[in-house]
Amino acid sequence: MAIRLRKVNGVAVALCAAKTAAEPGDIYLDDDWHYAISQKYWRDYDEIKIVDEDDIRLAAMVETGGQCMTEELEE
């Protein structure tokens, strides 16, 4: 699901992009970026028990300075 990040009354909120109109200052995240952020959350909070082995492998390569080609990330 694509989302919009917006400040509302000084508070940062994530909104469904399909249900909200764009406003100046919004940060738009398409499905791919939203999923990538979700993956990071899942890795950080392993107690929620959601795992994507491919994401874990790719993130580990990048975070440890391993070689990871852009094409691999796009597949």
N, C-alpha and C. Protein backbone atom coordinates (compact mmCIF):
# COMPACT_ATOMS: atom_id res chain seq x y z
N MET A 1 0.84 -1.16 0.00
CA MET A 1 0.00 0.00 0.00
C MET A 1 0.89 1.24 0.00
N ALA A 2 0.66 2.14 -0.92
CA ALA A 2 1.40 3.39 -0.97
C ALA A 2 0.92 4.28 0.18
N ILE A 3 1.86 5.04 0.74
CA ILE A 3 1.51 5.91 1.86
C ILE A 3 2.04 7.31 1.65
N ARG A 4 1.43 8.25 2.36
CA ARG A 4 1.92 9.63 2.41
C ARG A 4 2.34 9.90 3.84
N LEU A 5 3.51 10.49 4.01
CA LEU A 5 3.97 10.92 5.32
C LEU A 5 3.70 12.42 5.39
N ARG A 6 3.05 12.82 6.48
CA ARG A 6 2.62 14.22 6.59
C ARG A 6 2.66 14.66 8.04
N LYS A 7 2.94 15.93 8.25
CA LYS A 7 2.84 16.52 9.58
C LYS A 7 1.43 17.09 9.72
N VAL A 8 0.71 16.66 10.76
CA VAL A 8 -0.63 17.16 11.05
C VAL A 8 -0.60 17.74 12.46
N ASN A 9 -0.80 19.03 12.57
CA ASN A 9 -0.72 19.70 13.87
C ASN A 9 0.60 19.40 14.58
N GLY A 10 1.68 19.33 13.80
CA GLY A 10 3.00 19.09 14.36
C GLY A 10 3.34 17.64 14.63
N VAL A 11 2.43 16.74 14.32
CA VAL A 11 2.65 15.31 14.58
C VAL A 11 2.85 14.59 13.24
N ALA A 12 3.91 13.78 13.15
CA ALA A 12 4.16 13.01 11.93
C ALA A 12 3.18 11.84 11.87
N VAL A 13 2.48 11.70 10.73
CA VAL A 13 1.53 10.60 10.55
C VAL A 13 1.76 9.94 9.19
N ALA A 14 1.41 8.68 9.10
CA ALA A 14 1.44 7.94 7.84
C ALA A 14 0.00 7.73 7.42
N LEU A 15 -0.31 8.10 6.19
CA LEU A 15 -1.67 8.04 5.68
C LEU A 15 -1.75 7.15 4.44
N CYS A 16 -2.89 6.54 4.23
CA CYS A 16 -3.12 5.76 3.01
C CYS A 16 -3.13 6.73 1.83
N ALA A 17 -2.26 6.52 0.86
CA ALA A 17 -2.17 7.41 -0.28
C ALA A 17 -3.41 7.34 -1.16
N ALA A 18 -4.07 6.20 -1.20
CA ALA A 18 -5.27 6.05 -2.03
C ALA A 18 -6.46 6.81 -1.44
N LYS A 19 -6.44 7.06 -0.16
CA LYS A 19 -7.58 7.70 0.51
C LYS A 19 -7.34 9.17 0.82
N THR A 20 -6.17 9.70 0.47
CA THR A 20 -5.86 11.10 0.76
C THR A 20 -5.32 11.80 -0.47
N ALA A 21 -5.65 13.07 -0.59
CA ALA A 21 -5.11 13.88 -1.68
C ALA A 21 -3.73 14.39 -1.28
N ALA A 22 -2.88 14.53 -2.25
CA ALA A 22 -1.53 15.04 -2.00
C ALA A 22 -1.61 16.49 -1.54
N GLU A 23 -0.74 16.84 -0.59
CA GLU A 23 -0.61 18.21 -0.10
C GLU A 23 0.86 18.60 -0.14
N PRO A 24 1.12 19.90 -0.26
CA PRO A 24 2.51 20.36 -0.24
C PRO A 24 3.22 19.87 1.02
N GLY A 25 4.44 19.37 0.84
CA GLY A 25 5.22 18.90 1.98
C GLY A 25 5.07 17.41 2.25
N ASP A 26 4.09 16.76 1.63
CA ASP A 26 3.94 15.31 1.81
C ASP A 26 5.16 14.58 1.28
N ILE A 27 5.47 13.48 1.89
CA ILE A 27 6.47 12.55 1.37
C ILE A 27 5.71 11.32 0.91
N TYR A 28 5.79 11.01 -0.38
CA TYR A 28 5.06 9.88 -0.95
C TYR A 28 5.96 8.66 -1.01
N LEU A 29 5.49 7.56 -0.47
CA LEU A 29 6.22 6.28 -0.56
C LEU A 29 5.36 5.30 -1.32
N ASP A 30 5.87 4.81 -2.45
CA ASP A 30 5.11 3.82 -3.21
C ASP A 30 5.15 2.46 -2.50
N ASP A 31 4.48 1.49 -3.07
CA ASP A 31 4.38 0.17 -2.44
C ASP A 31 5.75 -0.42 -2.11
N ASP A 32 6.70 -0.28 -3.03
CA ASP A 32 8.03 -0.86 -2.82
C ASP A 32 8.75 -0.24 -1.62
N TRP A 33 8.72 1.09 -1.52
CA TRP A 33 9.40 1.75 -0.40
C TRP A 33 8.69 1.46 0.92
N HIS A 34 7.37 1.43 0.88
CA HIS A 34 6.62 1.11 2.11
C HIS A 34 6.97 -0.32 2.57
N TYR A 35 7.05 -1.26 1.64
CA TYR A 35 7.41 -2.62 1.98
C TYR A 35 8.83 -2.70 2.55
N ALA A 36 9.75 -1.92 1.96
CA ALA A 36 11.13 -1.92 2.44
C ALA A 36 11.20 -1.43 3.88
N ILE A 37 10.45 -0.39 4.20
CA ILE A 37 10.42 0.11 5.57
C ILE A 37 9.80 -0.92 6.51
N SER A 38 8.75 -1.59 6.04
CA SER A 38 8.13 -2.65 6.86
C SER A 38 9.13 -3.76 7.16
N GLN A 39 9.93 -4.12 6.15
CA GLN A 39 10.94 -5.15 6.33
C GLN A 39 11.94 -4.75 7.41
N LYS A 40 12.36 -3.50 7.39
CA LYS A 40 13.31 -3.02 8.40
C LYS A 40 12.70 -3.13 9.79
N TYR A 41 11.46 -2.75 9.92
CA TYR A 41 10.75 -2.86 11.21
C TYR A 41 10.70 -4.31 11.66
N TRP A 42 10.39 -5.20 10.72
CA TRP A 42 10.31 -6.63 11.08
C TRP A 42 11.66 -7.14 11.55
N ARG A 43 12.75 -6.69 10.91
CA ARG A 43 14.08 -7.13 11.33
C ARG A 43 14.43 -6.59 12.71
N ASP A 44 14.05 -5.35 12.96
CA ASP A 44 14.38 -4.72 14.25
C ASP A 44 13.60 -5.30 15.41
N TYR A 45 12.41 -5.77 15.15
CA TYR A 45 11.53 -6.28 16.21
C TYR A 45 11.20 -7.73 15.94
N ASP A 46 12.19 -8.59 16.13
CA ASP A 46 12.01 -10.00 15.80
C ASP A 46 10.95 -10.69 16.65
N GLU A 47 10.55 -10.07 17.77
CA GLU A 47 9.51 -10.69 18.60
C GLU A 47 8.16 -10.73 17.91
N ILE A 48 7.98 -9.96 16.81
CA ILE A 48 6.70 -10.04 16.10
C ILE A 48 6.66 -11.21 15.13
N LYS A 49 7.79 -11.87 14.93
CA LYS A 49 7.88 -13.13 14.18
C LYS A 49 7.43 -13.04 12.72
N ILE A 50 7.77 -11.95 12.04
CA ILE A 50 7.53 -11.85 10.61
C ILE A 50 8.90 -11.88 9.96
N VAL A 51 9.11 -12.80 9.02
CA VAL A 51 10.44 -13.00 8.45
C VAL A 51 10.35 -13.07 6.92
N ASP A 52 11.27 -12.41 6.26
CA ASP A 52 11.45 -12.51 4.81
C ASP A 52 12.94 -12.79 4.60
N GLU A 53 13.27 -14.02 4.34
CA GLU A 53 14.68 -14.44 4.25
C GLU A 53 15.45 -13.68 3.18
N ASP A 54 14.83 -13.41 2.02
CA ASP A 54 15.53 -12.67 0.97
C ASP A 54 15.89 -11.27 1.43
N ASP A 55 14.95 -10.61 2.10
CA ASP A 55 15.23 -9.26 2.60
C ASP A 55 16.34 -9.29 3.64
N ILE A 56 16.32 -10.25 4.53
CA ILE A 56 17.35 -10.36 5.57
C ILE A 56 18.72 -10.52 4.92
N ARG A 57 18.80 -11.37 3.90
CA ARG A 57 20.07 -11.61 3.20
C ARG A 57 20.56 -10.34 2.52
N LEU A 58 19.69 -9.65 1.79
CA LEU A 58 20.09 -8.43 1.09
C LEU A 58 20.49 -7.33 2.07
N ALA A 59 19.72 -7.16 3.13
CA ALA A 59 20.04 -6.12 4.12
C ALA A 59 21.38 -6.42 4.78
N ALA A 60 21.64 -7.67 5.10
CA ALA A 60 22.90 -8.03 5.74
C ALA A 60 24.08 -7.73 4.81
N MET A 61 23.92 -8.00 3.52
CA MET A 61 24.98 -7.70 2.56
C MET A 61 25.29 -6.21 2.54
N VAL A 62 24.25 -5.40 2.48
CA VAL A 62 24.44 -3.95 2.40
C VAL A 62 25.01 -3.41 3.71
N GLU A 63 24.45 -3.83 4.83
CA GLU A 63 24.85 -3.29 6.13
C GLU A 63 26.26 -3.70 6.53
N THR A 64 26.76 -4.80 5.99
CA THR A 64 28.11 -5.24 6.33
C THR A 64 29.13 -4.88 5.25
N GLY A 65 28.69 -4.10 4.26
CA GLY A 65 29.60 -3.65 3.22
C GLY A 65 29.83 -4.67 2.13
N GLY A 66 29.03 -5.73 2.08
CA GLY A 66 29.14 -6.72 1.02
C GLY A 66 28.70 -6.16 -0.31
N GLN A 67 29.10 -6.80 -1.37
CA GLN A 67 28.71 -6.35 -2.69
C GLN A 67 27.29 -6.80 -2.99
N CYS A 68 26.47 -5.87 -3.39
CA CYS A 68 25.08 -6.17 -3.72
C CYS A 68 24.72 -5.33 -4.94
N MET A 69 24.48 -5.97 -6.05
CA MET A 69 24.18 -5.26 -7.27
C MET A 69 22.75 -4.72 -7.25
N THR A 70 22.55 -3.57 -7.85
CA THR A 70 21.22 -2.95 -7.92
C THR A 70 20.24 -3.90 -8.58
N GLU A 71 20.66 -4.63 -9.59
CA GLU A 71 19.76 -5.54 -10.28
C GLU A 71 19.21 -6.60 -9.33
N GLU A 72 20.03 -7.06 -8.38
CA GLU A 72 19.58 -8.04 -7.41
C GLU A 72 18.43 -7.49 -6.59
N LEU A 73 18.53 -6.22 -6.21
CA LEU A 73 17.50 -5.60 -5.38
C LEU A 73 16.20 -5.41 -6.15
N GLU A 74 16.29 -5.24 -7.47
CA GLU A 74 15.10 -4.99 -8.28
C GLU A 74 14.36 -6.25 -8.63
N GLU A 75 14.96 -7.42 -8.46
CA GLU A 75 14.30 -8.67 -8.85
C GLU A 75 13.21 -9.05 -7.88
